Amino acid sequence: MSLIGNFPQLYYGAGEAAIEMKKRRLGNSNLEVSPLCFGCNVFGWTVKEPMAFALLDRLLAAGINFIDTADVYSRWVPGNHGGESETMIGNWLKLSKARDKMVICTKVGMEMGPDRKGLSKAHIFRSVEDSLQRLQSDYIDLYLSHSDDSATPFEETLGAYAELMKQGKVRAIGASNHSAPRLREALQAAERSGLPRYETLQPSYNIYDRAAYEAELEPLCMEKKVGVFSYFALARGFLTGKYRSEADLSKSPRGGGIKQYLNDRGFRILNALDQTAKQKNSTPARVALAWLMARPSITAPIASATTVEQLEDLIQATTLELDSDSIKLLDQAN
């Protein structure tokens, strides 16, 4: 173990072995991933590189091999231009020599600058090279269309991905922020044209925000065997139980987005999480993630952490199994 920036860094292959964790298959792809995906949107925002390295080292040691980023992370921070998260991951991959141990998802489509957005072939080809360079990798395991682009035919987008897959630069593709009708249309276009299909969907979904996903997207993904890894798995942090009044909202840069959950339904759900956590000698965050992992349609929820201590809570969720009574209690709180 060595120290960089006062944070412990573990370099594997030098005496530390990663724990084996049971993997799940993503859709019909050949990608095998841990039941938890770590969200790297915090890198370059609330997490600087030394802590990013410490978090990634701990993930590797715990056997969690699935990390999620995007070219646009974290462009919203004053002074940033996008690509900061990918750059930190790339620097860690070079130092740790752990590329073959990780399944990296990144995305394309959100605005990166003037005339730099969408899912046209030209933009995808430019963006993939930028992402590969920042990641310091020859390939991307899972490349997502970050948001729907109704101005570009699916055949053009999927055709671009097909070329990248043939070149070995992308292993599998998926969609994020697509409605059920548009996802179905994309799957039909792929089948009709003999092009690669979206093997995964990344929607917003958690024990509070259920209706939008469960009404149409979940049945479609189950029918078509599309792997799902959902973001906002902890409802921006609300489901950790850290935010129980408006006075608590100042605890995080995300506090403003949590206010919407401070209502009777939100408190009912927190109470159910508290009750289950007490029964299981666990925490509300672990229970909320375990509830997602128990859903038949969910391959892995995405959750972020800004400290190694927070990350330990997420890691422990992968070993928490909820019985039917606990799931019923949580479901009834809605």
Protein backbone atom coordinates (compact mmCIF):
# COMPACT_ATOMS: atom_id res chain seq x y z
CA MET A 1 0.00 0.00 0.00
CA SER A 2 1.25 3.47 -0.85
CA LEU A 3 -0.06 6.97 -0.32
CA ILE A 4 -1.00 9.49 -2.95
CA GLY A 5 -2.59 12.74 -1.89
CA ASN A 6 -2.92 11.33 1.66
CA PHE A 7 -5.36 8.68 0.48
CA PRO A 8 -4.47 4.98 0.63
CA GLN A 9 -3.97 3.45 -2.79
CA LEU A 10 -4.05 -0.29 -3.40
CA TYR A 11 -2.27 -1.58 -6.47
CA TYR A 12 -3.33 -5.10 -7.32
CA GLY A 13 -0.91 -7.67 -8.53
CA ALA A 14 1.30 -6.56 -5.64
CA GLY A 15 -0.07 -8.79 -2.90
CA GLU A 16 -3.73 -7.65 -2.77
CA ALA A 17 -6.28 -9.89 -4.46
CA ALA A 18 -9.78 -8.75 -5.43
CA ILE A 19 -12.75 -10.57 -3.95
CA GLU A 20 -14.78 -12.66 -6.37
CA MET A 21 -18.38 -11.46 -6.57
CA LYS A 22 -21.19 -13.27 -8.33
CA LYS A 23 -21.78 -11.55 -11.66
CA ARG A 24 -24.90 -10.91 -13.71
CA ARG A 25 -25.13 -10.86 -17.47
CA LEU A 26 -26.07 -7.56 -19.13
CA GLY A 27 -28.90 -8.25 -21.56
CA ASN A 28 -27.80 -10.63 -24.32
CA SER A 29 -24.28 -9.21 -24.35
CA ASN A 30 -21.15 -11.03 -23.24
CA LEU A 31 -20.63 -8.56 -20.39
CA GLU A 32 -20.69 -10.01 -16.87
CA VAL A 33 -21.08 -7.37 -14.17
CA SER A 34 -21.35 -7.06 -10.41
CA PRO A 35 -24.85 -6.49 -8.99
CA LEU A 36 -23.87 -2.91 -8.14
CA CYS A 37 -22.64 -0.26 -10.58
CA PHE A 38 -20.60 2.66 -9.26
CA GLY A 39 -21.59 6.04 -10.66
CA CYS A 40 -18.60 8.22 -11.51
CA ASN A 41 -20.59 11.40 -12.18
CA VAL A 42 -19.12 12.75 -8.93
CA PHE A 43 -15.57 12.63 -10.32
CA GLY A 44 -14.45 16.14 -11.17
CA TRP A 45 -17.40 17.54 -9.22
CA THR A 46 -17.49 16.60 -5.54
CA VAL A 47 -14.60 14.12 -5.85
CA LYS A 48 -11.06 15.08 -6.82
CA GLU A 49 -8.56 12.65 -8.32
CA PRO A 50 -6.86 11.33 -5.14
CA MET A 51 -10.23 10.33 -3.66
CA ALA A 52 -11.38 8.96 -7.04
CA PHE A 53 -8.34 6.66 -7.00
CA ALA A 54 -9.12 5.54 -3.43
CA LEU A 55 -12.74 4.79 -4.36
CA LEU A 56 -11.80 2.85 -7.50
CA ASP A 57 -9.18 0.86 -5.58
CA ARG A 58 -11.77 -0.11 -2.98
CA LEU A 59 -14.27 -1.13 -5.66
CA LEU A 60 -11.69 -3.37 -7.27
CA ALA A 61 -10.79 -4.96 -3.94
CA ALA A 62 -14.46 -5.63 -3.22
CA GLY A 63 -15.01 -7.37 -6.56
CA ILE A 64 -17.22 -4.64 -8.02
CA ASN A 65 -16.21 -4.39 -11.66
CA PHE A 66 -18.93 -2.15 -13.13
CA ILE A 67 -18.46 1.63 -13.34
CA ASP A 68 -20.55 4.23 -15.13
CA THR A 69 -19.43 7.55 -16.57
CA ALA A 70 -20.13 9.81 -19.57
CA ASP A 71 -18.28 12.27 -21.77
CA VAL A 72 -20.34 15.13 -20.31
CA TYR A 73 -19.32 14.39 -16.67
CA SER A 74 -18.75 16.90 -15.09
CA ARG A 75 -19.27 19.74 -17.55
CA TRP A 76 -21.78 21.49 -15.27
CA VAL A 77 -19.05 22.46 -12.78
CA PRO A 78 -17.72 26.01 -13.32
CA GLY A 79 -14.39 25.81 -15.12
CA ASN A 80 -14.96 22.25 -16.39
CA HIS A 81 -15.42 21.34 -20.05
CA GLY A 82 -16.63 17.74 -19.78
CA GLY A 83 -14.48 14.62 -19.80
CA GLU A 84 -13.13 15.16 -16.29
CA SER A 85 -14.61 11.91 -14.98
CA GLU A 86 -13.30 9.84 -17.90
CA THR A 87 -9.87 11.42 -17.48
CA MET A 88 -9.66 10.44 -13.81
CA ILE A 89 -10.75 6.90 -14.62
CA GLY A 90 -8.16 6.71 -17.39
CA ASN A 91 -5.39 7.89 -15.09
CA TRP A 92 -6.38 5.26 -12.54
CA LEU A 93 -6.55 2.51 -15.17
CA LYS A 94 -3.02 3.34 -16.29
CA LEU A 95 -1.68 3.32 -12.74
CA SER A 96 -3.57 0.26 -11.48
CA LYS A 97 -3.23 -1.78 -14.68
CA ALA A 98 -6.76 -3.01 -13.98
CA ARG A 99 -8.37 -2.39 -17.39
CA ASP A 100 -9.15 -6.04 -18.05
CA LYS A 101 -10.81 -6.36 -14.62
CA MET A 102 -13.34 -3.57 -15.16
CA VAL A 103 -16.50 -3.16 -17.23
CA ILE A 104 -16.63 0.51 -18.18
CA CYS A 105 -19.78 2.20 -19.39
CA THR A 106 -19.59 5.64 -20.91
CA LYS A 107 -22.04 7.67 -22.95
CA VAL A 108 -22.44 10.00 -25.91
CA GLY A 109 -25.14 12.45 -26.93
CA MET A 110 -25.40 15.16 -24.31
CA GLU A 111 -24.19 18.62 -25.32
CA MET A 112 -20.41 19.00 -25.12
CA GLY A 113 -20.27 22.36 -26.85
CA PRO A 114 -21.60 24.20 -29.92
CA ASP A 115 -22.67 21.64 -32.56
CA ARG A 116 -21.41 18.83 -30.35
CA LYS A 117 -24.40 16.78 -29.28
CA GLY A 118 -26.83 14.16 -30.53
CA LEU A 119 -26.44 10.71 -32.03
CA SER A 120 -25.35 11.40 -35.60
CA LYS A 121 -22.65 9.16 -37.03
CA ALA A 122 -20.20 12.07 -37.25
CA HIS A 123 -20.71 13.08 -33.62
CA ILE A 124 -20.47 9.49 -32.35
CA PHE A 125 -17.23 8.89 -34.29
CA ARG A 126 -15.65 12.06 -32.94
CA SER A 127 -16.88 11.47 -29.40
CA VAL A 128 -15.75 7.85 -29.14
CA GLU A 129 -12.18 8.82 -30.01
CA ASP A 130 -12.21 11.55 -27.37
CA SER A 131 -13.56 9.14 -24.76
CA LEU A 132 -11.03 6.42 -25.63
CA GLN A 133 -8.20 8.92 -25.33
CA ARG A 134 -9.39 10.17 -21.94
CA LEU A 135 -9.95 6.61 -20.68
CA GLN A 136 -6.51 5.59 -22.01
CA SER A 137 -8.14 2.45 -23.40
CA ASP A 138 -8.43 0.79 -26.78
CA TYR A 139 -12.08 -0.11 -26.21
CA ILE A 140 -15.26 0.77 -24.34
CA ASP A 141 -17.17 -2.13 -22.83
CA LEU A 142 -20.60 -0.52 -22.94
CA TYR A 143 -21.36 2.62 -24.97
CA LEU A 144 -24.69 4.30 -24.34
CA SER A 145 -26.84 6.76 -26.23
CA HIS A 146 -27.12 9.21 -23.33
CA SER A 147 -30.44 10.68 -24.44
CA ASP A 148 -32.86 10.13 -27.28
CA ASP A 149 -32.17 12.02 -30.51
CA SER A 150 -35.36 12.11 -32.58
CA ALA A 151 -33.60 14.09 -35.32
CA THR A 152 -31.29 11.19 -36.20
CA PRO A 153 -32.68 7.92 -37.61
CA PHE A 154 -31.99 4.87 -35.48
CA GLU A 155 -30.42 3.22 -38.51
CA GLU A 156 -27.73 5.93 -38.65
CA THR A 157 -26.98 5.72 -34.93
CA LEU A 158 -26.95 1.93 -34.79
CA GLY A 159 -24.97 1.77 -38.02
CA ALA A 160 -22.28 3.96 -36.46
CA TYR A 161 -22.16 1.68 -33.43
CA ALA A 162 -21.94 -1.36 -35.73
CA GLU A 163 -18.79 0.06 -37.33
CA LEU A 164 -17.24 0.78 -33.94
CA MET A 165 -18.01 -2.74 -32.77
CA LYS A 166 -16.48 -4.19 -35.93
CA GLN A 167 -13.35 -2.10 -35.25
CA GLY A 168 -13.18 -3.49 -31.72
CA LYS A 169 -13.63 -0.08 -30.12
CA VAL A 170 -17.01 -0.91 -28.52
CA ARG A 171 -18.15 -4.25 -27.09
CA ALA A 172 -21.87 -3.59 -26.52
CA ILE A 173 -24.33 -0.71 -26.73
CA GLY A 174 -27.26 0.56 -24.73
CA ALA A 175 -29.69 3.42 -24.27
CA SER A 176 -30.30 5.91 -21.50
CA ASN A 177 -33.30 8.19 -20.97
CA HIS A 178 -35.41 6.60 -23.71
CA SER A 179 -39.18 6.19 -23.45
CA ALA A 180 -40.73 2.75 -23.92
CA PRO A 181 -42.10 3.55 -27.41
CA ARG A 182 -38.73 4.87 -28.56
CA LEU A 183 -36.80 1.96 -27.07
CA ARG A 184 -39.15 -0.48 -28.79
CA GLU A 185 -38.67 1.42 -32.06
CA ALA A 186 -34.89 1.22 -31.66
CA LEU A 187 -35.04 -2.53 -31.02
CA GLN A 188 -37.27 -3.01 -34.08
CA ALA A 189 -34.92 -0.92 -36.24
CA ALA A 190 -31.98 -3.08 -35.17
CA GLU A 191 -33.81 -6.29 -35.98
CA ARG A 192 -35.12 -4.98 -39.27
CA SER A 193 -31.74 -3.70 -40.43
CA GLY A 194 -29.52 -6.44 -39.05
CA LEU A 195 -27.73 -3.95 -36.82
CA PRO A 196 -26.60 -4.36 -33.20
CA ARG A 197 -29.34 -3.66 -30.71
CA TYR A 198 -29.42 -1.81 -27.42
CA GLU A 199 -28.63 -4.54 -24.89
CA THR A 200 -29.15 -2.30 -21.88
CA LEU A 201 -31.34 0.53 -20.64
CA GLN A 202 -30.34 3.10 -18.04
CA PRO A 203 -33.48 4.74 -16.60
CA SER A 204 -34.14 6.71 -13.44
CA TYR A 205 -35.60 4.25 -10.93
CA ASN A 206 -35.70 3.71 -7.18
CA ILE A 207 -38.16 2.66 -4.49
CA TYR A 208 -39.73 6.16 -4.50
CA ASP A 209 -39.65 6.94 -8.26
CA ARG A 210 -41.39 3.85 -9.61
CA ALA A 211 -44.31 4.67 -11.90
CA ALA A 212 -42.47 5.86 -15.02
CA TYR A 213 -40.29 2.74 -15.22
CA GLU A 214 -42.70 0.07 -14.01
CA ALA A 215 -45.63 1.08 -16.22
CA GLU A 216 -44.06 0.53 -19.66
CA LEU A 217 -40.29 0.23 -19.60
CA GLU A 218 -40.03 -2.69 -17.20
CA PRO A 219 -42.43 -4.98 -19.14
CA LEU A 220 -40.63 -4.14 -22.40
CA CYS A 221 -37.18 -4.83 -20.95
CA MET A 222 -38.38 -8.11 -19.46
CA GLU A 223 -39.96 -9.13 -22.77
CA LYS A 224 -36.91 -8.26 -24.86
CA LYS A 225 -34.29 -9.36 -22.29
CA VAL A 226 -32.76 -5.90 -22.09
CA GLY A 227 -30.47 -5.48 -19.07
CA VAL A 228 -31.35 -2.55 -16.80
CA PHE A 229 -29.04 -0.58 -14.54
CA SER A 230 -30.89 2.31 -13.00
CA TYR A 231 -29.57 5.70 -11.91
CA PHE A 232 -30.77 7.78 -8.95
CA ALA A 233 -30.97 4.43 -7.13
CA LEU A 234 -30.87 6.29 -3.82
CA ALA A 235 -33.10 9.17 -4.98
CA ARG A 236 -30.21 11.68 -4.94
CA GLY A 237 -29.33 10.54 -1.43
CA PHE A 238 -32.80 10.79 0.13
CA LEU A 239 -33.05 7.02 0.63
CA THR A 240 -29.91 7.01 2.78
CA GLY A 241 -32.02 8.58 5.52
CA LYS A 242 -29.65 11.52 5.81
CA TYR A 243 -32.31 14.01 4.76
CA ARG A 244 -35.40 14.09 6.96
CA SER A 245 -36.24 17.80 7.00
CA GLU A 246 -35.58 20.92 4.94
CA ALA A 247 -32.88 21.83 7.43
CA ASP A 248 -30.92 18.77 6.25
CA LEU A 249 -30.82 19.86 2.60
CA SER A 250 -27.66 21.90 3.09
CA LYS A 251 -25.71 18.70 3.81
CA SER A 252 -24.99 18.10 0.13
CA PRO A 253 -24.63 19.94 -3.20
CA ARG A 254 -27.57 17.76 -4.30
CA GLY A 255 -29.78 19.02 -1.48
CA GLY A 256 -31.98 21.11 -3.74
CA GLY A 257 -33.07 18.05 -5.69
CA ILE A 258 -34.05 16.17 -2.55
CA LYS A 259 -36.77 18.59 -1.39
CA GLN A 260 -39.30 16.87 -3.69
CA TYR A 261 -39.11 13.71 -1.54
CA LEU A 262 -39.91 15.42 1.76
CA ASN A 263 -43.61 14.50 1.86
CA ASP A 264 -45.87 11.94 3.54
CA ARG A 265 -45.07 9.22 1.01
CA GLY A 266 -41.35 9.87 1.29
CA PHE A 267 -41.49 9.61 5.08
CA ARG A 268 -43.50 6.38 4.87
CA ILE A 269 -40.81 4.88 2.67
CA LEU A 270 -38.07 6.06 5.02
CA ASN A 271 -39.91 4.50 7.96
CA ALA A 272 -40.14 1.18 6.09
CA LEU A 273 -36.44 1.37 5.22
CA ASP A 274 -35.60 2.14 8.86
CA GLN A 275 -37.72 -0.77 10.09
CA THR A 276 -36.17 -3.22 7.63
CA ALA A 277 -32.65 -1.94 8.32
CA LYS A 278 -33.18 -2.51 12.05
CA GLN A 279 -34.44 -6.05 11.45
CA LYS A 280 -31.48 -6.84 9.19
CA ASN A 281 -28.87 -5.01 11.28
CA SER A 282 -28.27 -2.89 8.19
CA THR A 283 -28.79 0.68 6.93
CA PRO A 284 -31.53 2.39 4.87
CA ALA A 285 -29.16 2.83 1.90
CA ARG A 286 -28.26 -0.86 1.81
CA VAL A 287 -31.92 -1.86 2.05
CA ALA A 288 -32.93 0.54 -0.77
CA LEU A 289 -30.22 -0.92 -3.02
CA ALA A 290 -31.02 -4.50 -2.05
CA TRP A 291 -34.67 -3.86 -2.95
CA LEU A 292 -33.55 -2.84 -6.44
CA MET A 293 -31.19 -5.81 -6.78
CA ALA A 294 -34.10 -8.12 -5.92
CA ARG A 295 -36.23 -6.80 -8.81
CA PRO A 296 -36.19 -9.40 -11.62
CA SER A 297 -35.74 -6.72 -14.28
CA ILE A 298 -32.78 -4.96 -12.65
CA THR A 299 -29.25 -6.12 -13.42
CA ALA A 300 -27.58 -3.54 -11.20
CA PRO A 301 -28.50 -0.23 -9.59
CA ILE A 302 -26.08 2.69 -9.92
CA ALA A 303 -24.97 4.49 -6.78
CA SER A 304 -22.24 7.00 -6.04
CA ALA A 305 -20.09 7.83 -3.04
CA THR A 306 -17.74 10.67 -2.26
CA THR A 307 -15.81 8.94 0.54
CA VAL A 308 -14.54 5.42 1.12
CA GLU A 309 -16.74 5.25 4.23
CA GLN A 310 -19.85 5.93 2.12
CA LEU A 311 -18.67 3.38 -0.41
CA GLU A 312 -18.47 0.66 2.27
CA ASP A 313 -22.21 1.08 2.83
CA LEU A 314 -22.86 0.51 -0.88
CA ILE A 315 -20.58 -2.52 -1.02
CA GLN A 316 -22.36 -4.13 1.94
CA ALA A 317 -25.66 -3.87 0.03
CA THR A 318 -24.46 -6.55 -2.41
CA THR A 319 -24.61 -9.19 0.34
CA LEU A 320 -27.97 -8.15 1.82
CA GLU A 321 -30.82 -10.46 0.79
CA LEU A 322 -34.35 -9.30 1.51
CA ASP A 323 -37.03 -11.89 2.32
CA SER A 324 -40.52 -11.67 0.87
CA ASP A 325 -41.94 -10.07 4.05
CA SER A 326 -39.38 -7.27 3.90
CA ILE A 327 -40.07 -6.62 0.23
CA LYS A 328 -43.81 -6.59 0.93
CA LEU A 329 -43.33 -4.06 3.74
CA LEU A 330 -41.28 -1.79 1.46
CA ASP A 331 -43.74 -2.11 -1.40
CA GLN A 332 -46.71 -1.27 0.82
CA ALA A 333 -45.02 1.94 1.98
CA ASN A 334 -45.62 3.30 -1.53
